[in-house]
Amino acid sequence: MEAVKSGKDFDYEKLDVKDLSFSYDGQTEVLKDIKMHAEKGEIIGIVGESGCGKSTFLKLLLRFWERSGGEINYDDIDIDKINTNSLLKNVTMVSQSTYLFEETIEDNLRIAKPDATPEEIENACKMASIHDFIMTLPDGYKTQVGALGDNLSAGEKQRIGLARAFLRGSELILLDEPTSQLDPIAASEFLSVLGKINRELGTTVLLSEQRLEEALPLSDRAVVLDGGAVLADGAPRAVGAQLRTAGHELFRAMPAAMRVWAAVENDLPCPVSVREGRDWLADFAASHPLKSLPERPLPAPSEETVVTVSDAWFRYTPDAPDVLRGLELTVRRGELFAILGGNGAGKSTTLRLLAGLQKPYRGEVRVTGKTALLPQEVQTLFAQKTVREDLAEVTSDEAMLAYVTALCQLETLLDRHPYDLSGGEQQRAALAKILLTRPDILLLDEPTRGLDAAFKAELAELLQSLLAQGVTVVLVSHDVEFCAAYAQRCALFFDGSIASDGAPREFFALNRFYTTAANRMARGRLPEAVTAEDVIAACGGREAPQKERREPP
């Protein structure tokens, strides 16, 4: 450790990773012979399914753990010989969850740069798209965040983490799913700012993301990890073509424009971005008449109302602003009701009221049946040393345990500590624990956060099965594509109440900005197309068959 403290300084110009391997237990390799090179000024997208090693790889670049083998060199200097202060100055990481201290927003920002001027802090906040929300708080930057930031939404905390990264001014920024808790508009603004900083300041960016609609077009290169090894490394268009040719499951996570192109017989160049997809559709439609959109059969809810919220007003403390303002809401038995909206609009607070964890100071909340809440911070659900013990804490029904374990793909994770899992793996473990309670009303706060496309499809099938059994699902999500594909009704929260609601096609077609990539790509020709599958069907393409799923005991 002394060698590290008194080691070499460096000014970031390049990163070389050679034959990197890593294991948590000394036996099972998480990363295997990783090779990667990053020149100054590149944006590299790190892509892969949940648990493939993306987060572990980024953390090794900051010496969070000791690697099992291989090399990590900055400017031809071994990372183990670099001075710690120099490493932290040049390389900054923004992880999936941002942890705050029980002080003010300004105090939490100054962790990155204690001597920052007010102007520097404000500029960093503008770059991270949090300036507006801070200015609406009673004391602005002096507002107390509460214990570990409990007074802020998860998305607001994450944006504070982004502002810290910008404030530090590092030459290399490592981003581990930085938009996972941001609403679509904030995520788009953040990625746009990230691209501007890269272009104007030459900042190098390694960006790990599950949401690839805008992250992949932004990247100069995409590095695909599969089973802890590099499967592909190249331009996004070429990597997408390689995944398609290989029939790899990860292709389902590619941008909507690319997936539509791949499913439709054509000789046109492959689009990656929404704009390229719009141009592709125009060229395709010029010689191929588009078909009418097919009907979307979804399980019909019963007429019984199981959730009623009437004129609900809520604030966390007497002197704080209202989070909910006269909220009116009804949900029927067997309905999948999706709540969307910007960070801080009151979505998560609404779930807490439905779960009985909070009560409105005015108005009424009536819920019929047993509820179970999957919170944003899923780590709060883990109380044991292994996933197996955590699940056994809920039920001793061996058949149900085996079913949920297989359903959530936890067989190889049962003897791991929950905190050692990746973000997506933690999400699956927490979901399993909630499902074991067999609720009548399932309250899900960002359930697809950190999940790969394959498991999202599994989750959707599970939810459809629960709906058919009469279970009600109230889902809060920034994942507009998931909501467009599977919800029966969507509601847009704004300023503590519902601004609009309706069936997915109607709901997203009426929103110009808060909508899906497929709708932005096709709305000029197919106004009600809101999923890639809608556009594929209109173009006469064919969808991949779905996997069969086990039924519950």
Foldseek 3Di string as FASTA:
>chain_A
DVLQQPFAADAFFKKWWFQWWADPVVPQILAGGATDIFGFLFEEEEEEFFSLCQVVVLVVQLCPDDTPDTAIDGVNHTNSRHNNVNSCLAEEEQAPFAWAAQFFLLVRLCVLPVPDDPVLLLVLLVLLVNQVVLVPWPVRRRDGLHHRNPQFFRLNRLSSSSSSVVSSPHQEYEYHASCLPFFPVSVVSNLVSVLVCSVPVRRYYYYYHLQAQPSLVSGQWYFYGDNNYTPDIGRSLVVLVVCLVVVHPQNLSAHLLQVLVSQFDDDDRRDRHLVSSLVVVVVLCVPFPFDAFDDADADDFDPAWFKWWAQFWADPDPPTDILAGGATDIDGFLFEEEEEEGTSLCQQVVLCVQQVVDGGPDTDIGGPWFEFECHPPLVVQDDDQFLQVSQVVLDPPPQQLVQLCVLLVCPVRGGHGLVPGGPQNNLSSSVSSRVSNVILEYEYEASCRSGHPLSLVSVLVVSSVSSVVRRHYYYYHSPQQSCLRRGQKYFYGHNNYTPDMDGSLVVQLPDQRSAASQCVSCCVPRSSDRYSVRRSVRSVGDDDDDDDGDDGD
